Amino acid sequence: MAGFEKPILHGLCSYGFTGRALLHALCGSDPARFKSMEGRFSRPVYPGDTLTVSMWVNGNAAIFQTKTQRDEVVIDGGRLVFA
């Protein structure tokens, strides 16, 4: 259980759902335009949580943040570079 009261969703799953949202919203669903993505895991995500990705674009880069329905930031300091 790694110190959690219940099972958590693997971080790479949360990261993958975030990446997919960024791909569709900012890259026109074209993986060739998706150059790099980085971010910091800040809280656990539990199975069944709803994730919301907020993004702010500046040229060919965007900063992003992912939150749960409880308004908890789970991926912070995110940056995407795209073409």
N, C-alpha and C. Protein backbone atom coordinates (compact mmCIF):
# COMPACT_ATOMS: atom_id res chain seq x y z
N MET A 1 0.83 -1.20 0.00
CA MET A 1 0.00 0.00 0.00
C MET A 1 0.86 1.26 0.00
N ALA A 2 2.14 1.15 0.30
CA ALA A 2 3.08 2.27 0.22
C ALA A 2 2.65 3.48 1.04
N GLY A 3 1.90 3.26 2.11
CA GLY A 3 1.52 4.36 2.98
C GLY A 3 0.23 5.07 2.60
N PHE A 4 -0.45 4.62 1.55
CA PHE A 4 -1.71 5.25 1.15
C PHE A 4 -2.86 4.46 1.75
N GLU A 5 -3.96 5.14 2.05
CA GLU A 5 -5.11 4.49 2.67
C GLU A 5 -5.87 3.59 1.71
N LYS A 6 -5.72 3.82 0.41
CA LYS A 6 -6.35 2.97 -0.61
C LYS A 6 -5.47 2.99 -1.86
N PRO A 7 -5.72 2.09 -2.81
CA PRO A 7 -4.88 2.06 -4.01
C PRO A 7 -4.91 3.38 -4.77
N ILE A 8 -3.77 3.74 -5.36
CA ILE A 8 -3.68 4.96 -6.16
C ILE A 8 -3.49 4.59 -7.63
N LEU A 9 -3.79 5.53 -8.50
CA LEU A 9 -3.55 5.36 -9.93
C LEU A 9 -2.07 5.63 -10.19
N HIS A 10 -1.44 4.79 -10.98
CA HIS A 10 -0.02 4.95 -11.28
C HIS A 10 0.22 6.34 -11.89
N GLY A 11 1.29 6.98 -11.50
CA GLY A 11 1.60 8.33 -11.99
C GLY A 11 1.69 8.41 -13.51
N LEU A 12 2.23 7.37 -14.13
CA LEU A 12 2.35 7.41 -15.59
C LEU A 12 0.99 7.37 -16.27
N CYS A 13 -0.02 6.80 -15.61
CA CYS A 13 -1.36 6.82 -16.17
C CYS A 13 -1.91 8.25 -16.15
N SER A 14 -1.75 8.94 -15.02
CA SER A 14 -2.18 10.34 -14.92
C SER A 14 -1.43 11.20 -15.93
N TYR A 15 -0.14 10.95 -16.06
CA TYR A 15 0.71 11.68 -17.02
C TYR A 15 0.26 11.41 -18.45
N GLY A 16 -0.09 10.17 -18.74
CA GLY A 16 -0.56 9.80 -20.07
C GLY A 16 -1.88 10.45 -20.43
N PHE A 17 -2.83 10.48 -19.50
CA PHE A 17 -4.10 11.15 -19.76
C PHE A 17 -3.89 12.65 -19.96
N THR A 18 -2.98 13.23 -19.21
CA THR A 18 -2.66 14.65 -19.38
C THR A 18 -2.05 14.88 -20.75
N GLY A 19 -1.09 14.04 -21.14
CA GLY A 19 -0.45 14.17 -22.45
C GLY A 19 -1.45 14.03 -23.58
N ARG A 20 -2.38 13.12 -23.43
CA ARG A 20 -3.40 12.93 -24.48
C ARG A 20 -4.27 14.19 -24.61
N ALA A 21 -4.66 14.78 -23.49
CA ALA A 21 -5.46 16.01 -23.53
C ALA A 21 -4.68 17.13 -24.23
N LEU A 22 -3.39 17.25 -23.93
CA LEU A 22 -2.55 18.27 -24.57
C LEU A 22 -2.40 18.00 -26.06
N LEU A 23 -2.20 16.73 -26.42
CA LEU A 23 -2.07 16.34 -27.83
C LEU A 23 -3.30 16.76 -28.62
N HIS A 24 -4.49 16.46 -28.11
CA HIS A 24 -5.71 16.78 -28.84
C HIS A 24 -6.01 18.28 -28.85
N ALA A 25 -5.76 18.94 -27.74
CA ALA A 25 -6.11 20.37 -27.64
C ALA A 25 -5.13 21.28 -28.37
N LEU A 26 -3.82 20.94 -28.33
CA LEU A 26 -2.82 21.88 -28.86
C LEU A 26 -2.09 21.40 -30.11
N CYS A 27 -2.16 20.11 -30.39
CA CYS A 27 -1.41 19.56 -31.53
C CYS A 27 -2.33 19.03 -32.62
N GLY A 28 -3.61 19.34 -32.53
CA GLY A 28 -4.54 18.86 -33.55
C GLY A 28 -4.55 17.34 -33.66
N SER A 29 -4.29 16.64 -32.56
CA SER A 29 -4.23 15.17 -32.50
C SER A 29 -3.12 14.57 -33.36
N ASP A 30 -2.13 15.38 -33.74
CA ASP A 30 -1.02 14.92 -34.59
C ASP A 30 0.22 14.68 -33.72
N PRO A 31 0.59 13.42 -33.47
CA PRO A 31 1.74 13.13 -32.61
C PRO A 31 3.05 13.73 -33.12
N ALA A 32 3.16 13.97 -34.42
CA ALA A 32 4.39 14.55 -34.97
C ALA A 32 4.61 15.98 -34.46
N ARG A 33 3.55 16.65 -34.05
CA ARG A 33 3.66 18.02 -33.54
C ARG A 33 4.01 18.06 -32.05
N PHE A 34 3.87 16.96 -31.36
CA PHE A 34 4.12 16.86 -29.92
C PHE A 34 5.62 16.63 -29.72
N LYS A 35 6.33 17.64 -29.22
CA LYS A 35 7.79 17.56 -29.13
C LYS A 35 8.29 17.09 -27.76
N SER A 36 7.85 17.71 -26.68
CA SER A 36 8.29 17.29 -25.34
C SER A 36 7.28 17.73 -24.30
N MET A 37 7.32 17.02 -23.17
CA MET A 37 6.39 17.29 -22.07
C MET A 37 7.13 17.01 -20.76
N GLU A 38 6.93 17.88 -19.79
CA GLU A 38 7.51 17.66 -18.47
C GLU A 38 6.57 18.22 -17.42
N GLY A 39 6.67 17.71 -16.22
CA GLY A 39 5.84 18.18 -15.13
C GLY A 39 6.24 17.49 -13.84
N ARG A 40 5.68 17.93 -12.75
CA ARG A 40 6.01 17.39 -11.42
C ARG A 40 4.74 16.79 -10.80
N PHE A 41 4.84 15.55 -10.36
CA PHE A 41 3.73 14.92 -9.65
C PHE A 41 3.65 15.53 -8.26
N SER A 42 2.49 16.06 -7.89
CA SER A 42 2.39 16.76 -6.62
C SER A 42 1.43 16.11 -5.62
N ARG A 43 0.52 15.27 -6.08
CA ARG A 43 -0.42 14.56 -5.20
C ARG A 43 -0.84 13.28 -5.88
N PRO A 44 -1.31 12.31 -5.11
CA PRO A 44 -1.77 11.06 -5.74
C PRO A 44 -3.13 11.24 -6.42
N VAL A 45 -3.36 10.40 -7.41
CA VAL A 45 -4.65 10.32 -8.10
C VAL A 45 -5.22 8.96 -7.75
N TYR A 46 -6.53 8.92 -7.48
CA TYR A 46 -7.19 7.67 -7.13
C TYR A 46 -8.04 7.19 -8.30
N PRO A 47 -8.15 5.88 -8.50
CA PRO A 47 -9.01 5.37 -9.57
C PRO A 47 -10.41 5.98 -9.45
N GLY A 48 -10.93 6.45 -10.57
CA GLY A 48 -12.25 7.08 -10.59
C GLY A 48 -12.21 8.59 -10.51
N ASP A 49 -11.06 9.17 -10.19
CA ASP A 49 -10.94 10.64 -10.17
C ASP A 49 -11.15 11.19 -11.58
N THR A 50 -11.71 12.39 -11.64
CA THR A 50 -11.85 13.12 -12.89
C THR A 50 -10.71 14.13 -12.95
N LEU A 51 -9.97 14.12 -14.06
CA LEU A 51 -8.84 15.03 -14.22
C LEU A 51 -9.20 16.16 -15.17
N THR A 52 -8.79 17.36 -14.80
CA THR A 52 -8.97 18.54 -15.65
C THR A 52 -7.60 19.13 -15.91
N VAL A 53 -7.29 19.34 -17.18
CA VAL A 53 -5.99 19.90 -17.56
C VAL A 53 -6.21 21.34 -18.01
N SER A 54 -5.55 22.27 -17.33
CA SER A 54 -5.58 23.69 -17.72
C SER A 54 -4.28 23.99 -18.42
N MET A 55 -4.36 24.74 -19.52
CA MET A 55 -3.17 25.04 -20.30
C MET A 55 -3.16 26.49 -20.74
N TRP A 56 -1.95 27.05 -20.77
CA TRP A 56 -1.76 28.42 -21.18
C TRP A 56 -0.66 28.42 -22.24
N VAL A 57 -1.02 28.90 -23.45
CA VAL A 57 -0.12 28.81 -24.61
C VAL A 57 0.67 30.10 -24.77
N ASN A 58 1.95 29.93 -25.11
CA ASN A 58 2.84 31.05 -25.44
C ASN A 58 3.69 30.60 -26.63
N GLY A 59 3.26 30.95 -27.82
CA GLY A 59 3.98 30.54 -29.03
C GLY A 59 3.88 29.05 -29.25
N ASN A 60 5.03 28.38 -29.34
CA ASN A 60 5.02 26.93 -29.57
C ASN A 60 5.25 26.15 -28.27
N ALA A 61 4.95 26.78 -27.14
CA ALA A 61 5.05 26.12 -25.84
C ALA A 61 3.79 26.43 -25.03
N ALA A 62 3.55 25.60 -24.06
CA ALA A 62 2.42 25.82 -23.16
C ALA A 62 2.82 25.36 -21.77
N ILE A 63 2.32 26.06 -20.77
CA ILE A 63 2.44 25.56 -19.41
C ILE A 63 1.09 24.94 -19.06
N PHE A 64 1.10 23.95 -18.21
CA PHE A 64 -0.15 23.27 -17.87
C PHE A 64 -0.13 22.80 -16.42
N GLN A 65 -1.34 22.49 -15.96
CA GLN A 65 -1.55 22.00 -14.60
C GLN A 65 -2.74 21.04 -14.66
N THR A 66 -2.64 19.92 -13.95
CA THR A 66 -3.72 18.95 -13.92
C THR A 66 -4.28 18.88 -12.50
N LYS A 67 -5.63 18.94 -12.41
CA LYS A 67 -6.31 18.91 -11.11
C LYS A 67 -7.36 17.81 -11.10
N THR A 68 -7.73 17.39 -9.89
CA THR A 68 -8.83 16.45 -9.72
C THR A 68 -10.13 17.23 -9.51
N GLN A 69 -11.23 16.49 -9.43
CA GLN A 69 -12.53 17.10 -9.16
C GLN A 69 -12.58 17.73 -7.77
N ARG A 70 -11.63 17.39 -6.91
CA ARG A 70 -11.53 18.00 -5.57
C ARG A 70 -10.68 19.26 -5.59
N ASP A 71 -10.33 19.72 -6.79
CA ASP A 71 -9.50 20.91 -6.99
C ASP A 71 -8.09 20.74 -6.42
N GLU A 72 -7.61 19.49 -6.36
CA GLU A 72 -6.25 19.21 -5.92
C GLU A 72 -5.34 19.16 -7.14
N VAL A 73 -4.25 19.90 -7.11
CA VAL A 73 -3.28 19.87 -8.20
C VAL A 73 -2.48 18.58 -8.09
N VAL A 74 -2.52 17.76 -9.15
CA VAL A 74 -1.82 16.47 -9.13
C VAL A 74 -0.60 16.45 -10.04
N ILE A 75 -0.59 17.29 -11.07
CA ILE A 75 0.61 17.51 -11.88
C ILE A 75 0.78 19.02 -11.98
N ASP A 76 1.93 19.50 -11.54
CA ASP A 76 2.18 20.94 -11.45
C ASP A 76 3.46 21.29 -12.20
N GLY A 77 3.60 22.55 -12.54
CA GLY A 77 4.81 23.02 -13.21
C GLY A 77 5.01 22.36 -14.56
N GLY A 78 3.91 22.02 -15.23
CA GLY A 78 4.01 21.32 -16.51
C GLY A 78 4.38 22.25 -17.66
N ARG A 79 5.14 21.70 -18.61
CA ARG A 79 5.51 22.45 -19.81
C ARG A 79 5.47 21.52 -21.00
N LEU A 80 4.83 21.97 -22.07
CA LEU A 80 4.74 21.23 -23.33
C LEU A 80 5.37 22.08 -24.43
N VAL A 81 6.17 21.46 -25.27
CA VAL A 81 6.69 22.11 -26.47
C VAL A 81 6.08 21.38 -27.65
N PHE A 82 5.53 22.15 -28.60
CA PHE A 82 4.87 21.55 -29.76
C PHE A 82 5.17 22.37 -31.00
N ALA A 83 4.93 21.77 -32.15
CA ALA A 83 5.18 22.44 -33.43
C ALA A 83 3.89 22.96 -34.01
